[in-house]
Amino acid sequence: MAVMGFSTGALAKGDVSKGIEIVSRLSLKAIELSALRVHELDALEQAADSVDMTQFAYISMHAPTDYTPEQEAEVAARLHVLAVQHDWPVVIHPDCVTDHAAWKTFGELLCIENMDKRKAIGRTADELRPWFEEFQEASLCFDIAHAQQVDPSMTEAYRILREFGSRICQLHVSEVTSSSKHDRLSEGAIRAFVEVAEQLPLDVPSILETPVDEEYARAELTQAERIFEATLKPV
């Protein structure tokens, strides 16, 4: 079974340290430190410096998505310090990138996420291709729910996995509503995701973005595991 984890933002929106505490109590080995808003970067930096995270075999960070063009270079620089110091990959949304040079310094620690239907870029294999041509060392954060929302037939998910599967460093797992909000996994979403489960790499962590509290986190993990049971194999 693939290594499972949670985004701190799913369990404790805006409170990185609390999210780390919850994931630790769940005895999970993977975690994504979420700073989706610029003002959360301070908390992420503080947690990186002060919280014991040696129990995790995999740690990544999610970059803010609300920074202005004037803030982009500083945001990238702050994340770069943490990424290099700790060897943590940084997940970015391609539609937020305007200063490409600021992110090229990350090299293989840059992780580009496929986007939901709201975005004008990064949604499909064709739209991702120029990004990986430019950021040749970057990896892919494959958000299976984004792919399913863009194309419910899962054909586009298959195309992304076929072309970029070898680049995947982590998965994002949740359901995405018609308004592009992360939600808990439904039976319909699980059935859709199972259609491409055999194309998913076995050796990368699955990060849940489903918004749940600690009480329901284990039940959500059990739901996510159903996607991979008896079907997951190495790419």
Protein backbone atom coordinates (compact mmCIF):
# COMPACT_ATOMS: atom_id res chain seq x y z
CA MET A 1 0.00 0.00 0.00
CA ALA A 2 1.25 3.47 -0.83
CA VAL A 3 2.34 5.77 1.99
CA MET A 4 -0.56 7.96 3.09
CA GLY A 5 -0.53 11.42 4.63
CA PHE A 6 -2.47 14.64 4.99
CA SER A 7 -2.05 18.27 4.08
CA THR A 8 -1.93 20.33 7.26
CA GLY A 9 -4.37 22.72 5.60
CA ALA A 10 -7.00 19.99 5.28
CA LEU A 11 -6.89 19.15 9.00
CA ALA A 12 -6.17 22.57 10.49
CA LYS A 13 -6.66 25.38 8.01
CA GLY A 14 -4.08 28.10 8.55
CA ASP A 15 -2.48 26.39 11.56
CA VAL A 16 0.57 24.44 10.40
CA SER A 17 1.72 23.38 13.86
CA LYS A 18 -1.71 22.03 14.80
CA GLY A 19 -1.87 20.16 11.50
CA ILE A 20 1.51 18.57 12.21
CA GLU A 21 0.31 17.49 15.66
CA ILE A 22 -2.77 15.80 14.20
CA VAL A 23 -0.85 13.98 11.46
CA SER A 24 1.65 12.84 14.10
CA ARG A 25 -1.12 11.44 16.30
CA LEU A 26 -2.46 9.56 13.29
CA SER A 27 0.97 7.87 13.02
CA LEU A 28 1.26 8.74 9.34
CA LYS A 29 4.60 8.90 7.55
CA ALA A 30 3.85 11.61 4.99
CA ILE A 31 2.79 15.22 5.38
CA GLU A 32 2.38 18.35 3.28
CA LEU A 33 2.98 21.63 5.11
CA SER A 34 0.42 23.97 3.65
CA ALA A 35 0.86 27.72 3.34
CA LEU A 36 -1.77 28.48 0.72
CA ARG A 37 -1.93 32.09 1.87
CA VAL A 38 1.11 34.37 2.06
CA HIS A 39 0.44 35.26 5.69
CA GLU A 40 0.81 31.55 6.58
CA LEU A 41 4.45 31.48 5.51
CA ASP A 42 5.54 32.78 8.92
CA ALA A 43 3.88 29.83 10.65
CA LEU A 44 5.42 27.39 8.18
CA GLU A 45 8.89 28.80 8.79
CA GLN A 46 8.42 28.69 12.55
CA ALA A 47 7.24 25.08 12.43
CA ALA A 48 10.18 24.07 10.24
CA ASP A 49 12.58 25.55 12.78
CA SER A 50 10.94 24.36 15.99
CA VAL A 51 8.73 21.27 15.49
CA ASP A 52 10.18 17.76 15.57
CA MET A 53 9.17 16.09 12.30
CA THR A 54 11.62 13.20 12.30
CA GLN A 55 8.70 10.74 12.38
CA PHE A 56 7.86 11.61 8.77
CA ALA A 57 9.52 9.81 5.91
CA TYR A 58 8.21 12.37 3.40
CA ILE A 59 7.63 16.10 3.88
CA SER A 60 6.63 18.61 1.23
CA MET A 61 5.47 22.22 1.27
CA HIS A 62 2.65 23.86 -0.65
CA ALA A 63 3.42 27.37 -1.84
CA PRO A 64 0.96 30.23 -1.40
CA THR A 65 -1.44 30.93 -4.23
CA ASP A 66 -2.49 34.46 -3.27
CA TYR A 67 0.78 36.37 -3.61
CA THR A 68 1.02 39.40 -5.87
CA PRO A 69 3.62 39.71 -8.64
CA GLU A 70 5.49 42.11 -6.37
CA GLN A 71 5.63 39.48 -3.62
CA GLU A 72 6.56 36.51 -5.83
CA ALA A 73 10.36 36.76 -5.64
CA GLU A 74 10.30 37.04 -1.84
CA VAL A 75 7.87 34.14 -1.48
CA ALA A 76 10.02 31.95 -3.72
CA ALA A 77 13.20 32.96 -1.88
CA ARG A 78 11.74 32.12 1.54
CA LEU A 79 10.53 28.74 0.37
CA HIS A 80 13.83 28.05 -1.37
CA VAL A 81 15.71 28.44 1.91
CA LEU A 82 13.51 25.81 3.57
CA ALA A 83 13.50 23.52 0.53
CA VAL A 84 17.29 23.39 0.29
CA GLN A 85 17.86 23.25 4.04
CA HIS A 86 15.49 20.31 4.58
CA ASP A 87 15.37 18.74 1.11
CA TRP A 88 11.60 19.29 0.94
CA PRO A 89 9.87 19.61 -2.46
CA VAL A 90 7.65 22.66 -2.99
CA VAL A 91 4.28 22.28 -4.73
CA ILE A 92 3.31 25.24 -6.90
CA HIS A 93 0.30 26.15 -9.02
CA PRO A 94 1.51 27.06 -12.52
CA ASP A 95 -1.16 29.72 -12.94
CA CYS A 96 0.42 31.65 -10.04
CA VAL A 97 3.86 31.82 -11.65
CA THR A 98 4.83 35.03 -13.44
CA ASP A 99 8.51 35.28 -12.44
CA HIS A 100 9.83 32.03 -13.87
CA ALA A 101 13.41 32.79 -12.90
CA ALA A 102 12.43 32.90 -9.21
CA TRP A 103 11.32 29.25 -9.36
CA LYS A 104 14.02 27.82 -11.63
CA THR A 105 16.46 27.91 -8.71
CA PHE A 106 14.52 25.05 -7.08
CA GLY A 107 15.62 22.51 -9.67
CA GLU A 108 14.35 19.05 -8.75
CA LEU A 109 12.73 20.41 -5.57
CA LEU A 110 10.05 22.15 -7.66
CA CYS A 111 6.80 20.18 -7.93
CA ILE A 112 4.19 21.41 -10.43
CA GLU A 113 0.55 20.55 -9.75
CA ASN A 114 -2.06 19.93 -12.43
CA MET A 115 -4.90 22.40 -12.15
CA ASP A 116 -8.69 22.39 -11.82
CA LYS A 117 -11.15 23.64 -14.43
CA ARG A 118 -11.12 27.23 -13.11
CA LYS A 119 -7.59 27.79 -14.32
CA ALA A 120 -6.52 28.74 -17.82
CA ILE A 121 -3.35 26.63 -17.78
CA GLY A 122 -1.94 23.44 -16.30
CA ARG A 123 -5.14 21.39 -16.59
CA THR A 124 -4.23 18.88 -19.27
CA ALA A 125 -1.22 16.99 -20.59
CA ASP A 126 -0.94 19.47 -23.46
CA GLU A 127 -1.01 22.41 -21.05
CA LEU A 128 1.52 20.84 -18.68
CA ARG A 129 4.01 19.98 -21.41
CA PRO A 130 5.49 23.49 -21.83
CA TRP A 131 6.07 23.73 -18.09
CA PHE A 132 8.11 20.56 -17.99
CA GLU A 133 9.97 21.64 -21.10
CA GLU A 134 10.97 24.82 -19.28
CA PHE A 135 11.41 23.36 -15.78
CA GLN A 136 13.09 20.17 -16.89
CA GLU A 137 14.10 19.01 -13.41
CA ALA A 138 10.68 19.63 -11.87
CA SER A 139 8.41 16.85 -10.65
CA LEU A 140 4.62 16.52 -10.83
CA CYS A 141 2.12 16.65 -8.00
CA PHE A 142 -0.71 14.71 -9.60
CA ASP A 143 -4.05 15.89 -8.24
CA ILE A 144 -6.37 13.11 -9.30
CA ALA A 145 -9.49 15.07 -8.35
CA HIS A 146 -8.47 18.04 -10.50
CA ALA A 147 -7.97 15.69 -13.43
CA GLN A 148 -11.37 14.06 -12.88
CA GLN A 149 -13.10 17.43 -12.63
CA VAL A 150 -11.51 18.62 -15.88
CA ASP A 151 -12.50 15.39 -17.64
CA PRO A 152 -14.95 13.09 -15.80
CA SER A 153 -14.22 10.28 -18.27
CA MET A 154 -10.68 10.11 -16.75
CA THR A 155 -9.20 10.16 -20.25
CA GLU A 156 -7.20 13.30 -19.47
CA ALA A 157 -6.01 11.76 -16.20
CA TYR A 158 -4.76 8.78 -18.21
CA ARG A 159 -3.00 11.08 -20.71
CA ILE A 160 -1.24 12.99 -17.92
CA LEU A 161 -0.17 9.77 -16.23
CA ARG A 162 1.03 8.22 -19.49
CA GLU A 163 3.19 11.22 -20.39
CA PHE A 164 4.32 12.47 -17.00
CA GLY A 165 3.86 9.51 -14.66
CA SER A 166 7.59 9.10 -14.20
CA ARG A 167 7.78 12.66 -12.84
CA ILE A 168 5.25 12.18 -10.03
CA CYS A 169 6.66 12.84 -6.56
CA GLN A 170 3.34 12.88 -4.71
CA LEU A 171 -0.40 12.54 -5.24
CA HIS A 172 -3.17 14.83 -4.05
CA VAL A 173 -6.28 12.87 -3.13
CA SER A 174 -9.72 14.33 -2.43
CA GLU A 175 -12.94 15.04 -4.23
CA VAL A 176 -13.35 18.40 -5.95
CA THR A 177 -16.81 19.95 -6.15
CA SER A 178 -18.28 21.75 -9.15
CA SER A 179 -17.17 25.00 -7.48
CA SER A 180 -13.60 23.64 -7.27
CA LYS A 181 -13.60 23.15 -3.49
CA HIS A 182 -11.92 20.13 -1.92
CA ASP A 183 -14.39 17.73 -0.33
CA ARG A 184 -14.49 14.29 1.26
CA LEU A 185 -14.30 11.26 -0.99
CA SER A 186 -17.60 9.98 -2.34
CA GLU A 187 -18.36 6.58 -3.86
CA GLY A 188 -18.52 8.18 -7.30
CA ALA A 189 -15.09 9.76 -6.94
CA ILE A 190 -13.55 6.51 -5.72
CA ARG A 191 -15.00 4.59 -8.67
CA ALA A 192 -13.61 7.18 -11.09
CA PHE A 193 -10.16 7.15 -9.51
CA VAL A 194 -9.98 3.35 -9.55
CA GLU A 195 -10.16 3.51 -13.36
CA VAL A 196 -6.61 4.89 -13.50
CA ALA A 197 -5.21 3.48 -10.25
CA GLU A 198 -3.04 0.97 -12.08
CA GLN A 199 -1.22 3.86 -13.75
CA LEU A 200 -0.27 5.49 -10.45
CA PRO A 201 3.24 4.95 -9.08
CA LEU A 202 3.45 2.77 -6.01
CA ASP A 203 6.44 4.46 -4.43
CA VAL A 204 5.12 8.01 -3.96
CA PRO A 205 3.04 9.30 -1.03
CA SER A 206 -0.65 10.09 -1.30
CA ILE A 207 -1.48 13.38 0.41
CA LEU A 208 -5.14 13.76 1.35
CA GLU A 209 -6.63 17.24 0.94
CA THR A 210 -10.07 16.24 2.17
CA PRO A 211 -11.29 18.75 4.79
CA VAL A 212 -11.91 16.65 7.90
CA ASP A 213 -11.23 16.99 11.60
CA GLU A 214 -9.15 14.50 13.53
CA GLU A 215 -12.20 12.43 14.48
CA TYR A 216 -12.98 11.56 10.87
CA ALA A 217 -9.42 11.48 9.48
CA ARG A 218 -8.96 7.72 9.87
CA ALA A 219 -12.24 7.01 8.12
CA GLU A 220 -11.11 9.21 5.24
CA LEU A 221 -7.80 7.37 5.05
CA THR A 222 -9.71 4.08 4.78
CA GLN A 223 -11.76 5.54 1.92
CA ALA A 224 -8.60 6.66 0.11
CA GLU A 225 -6.98 3.25 0.51
CA ARG A 226 -9.86 1.73 -1.45
CA ILE A 227 -8.60 3.55 -4.56
CA PHE A 228 -5.39 1.58 -4.52
CA GLU A 229 -6.35 -1.83 -3.15
CA ALA A 230 -5.34 -4.69 -5.45
CA THR A 231 -4.82 -2.31 -8.38
CA LEU A 232 -1.82 -0.12 -7.56
CA LYS A 233 1.40 -1.11 -9.25
CA PRO A 234 4.69 0.59 -10.19
CA VAL A 235 4.65 2.72 -13.33
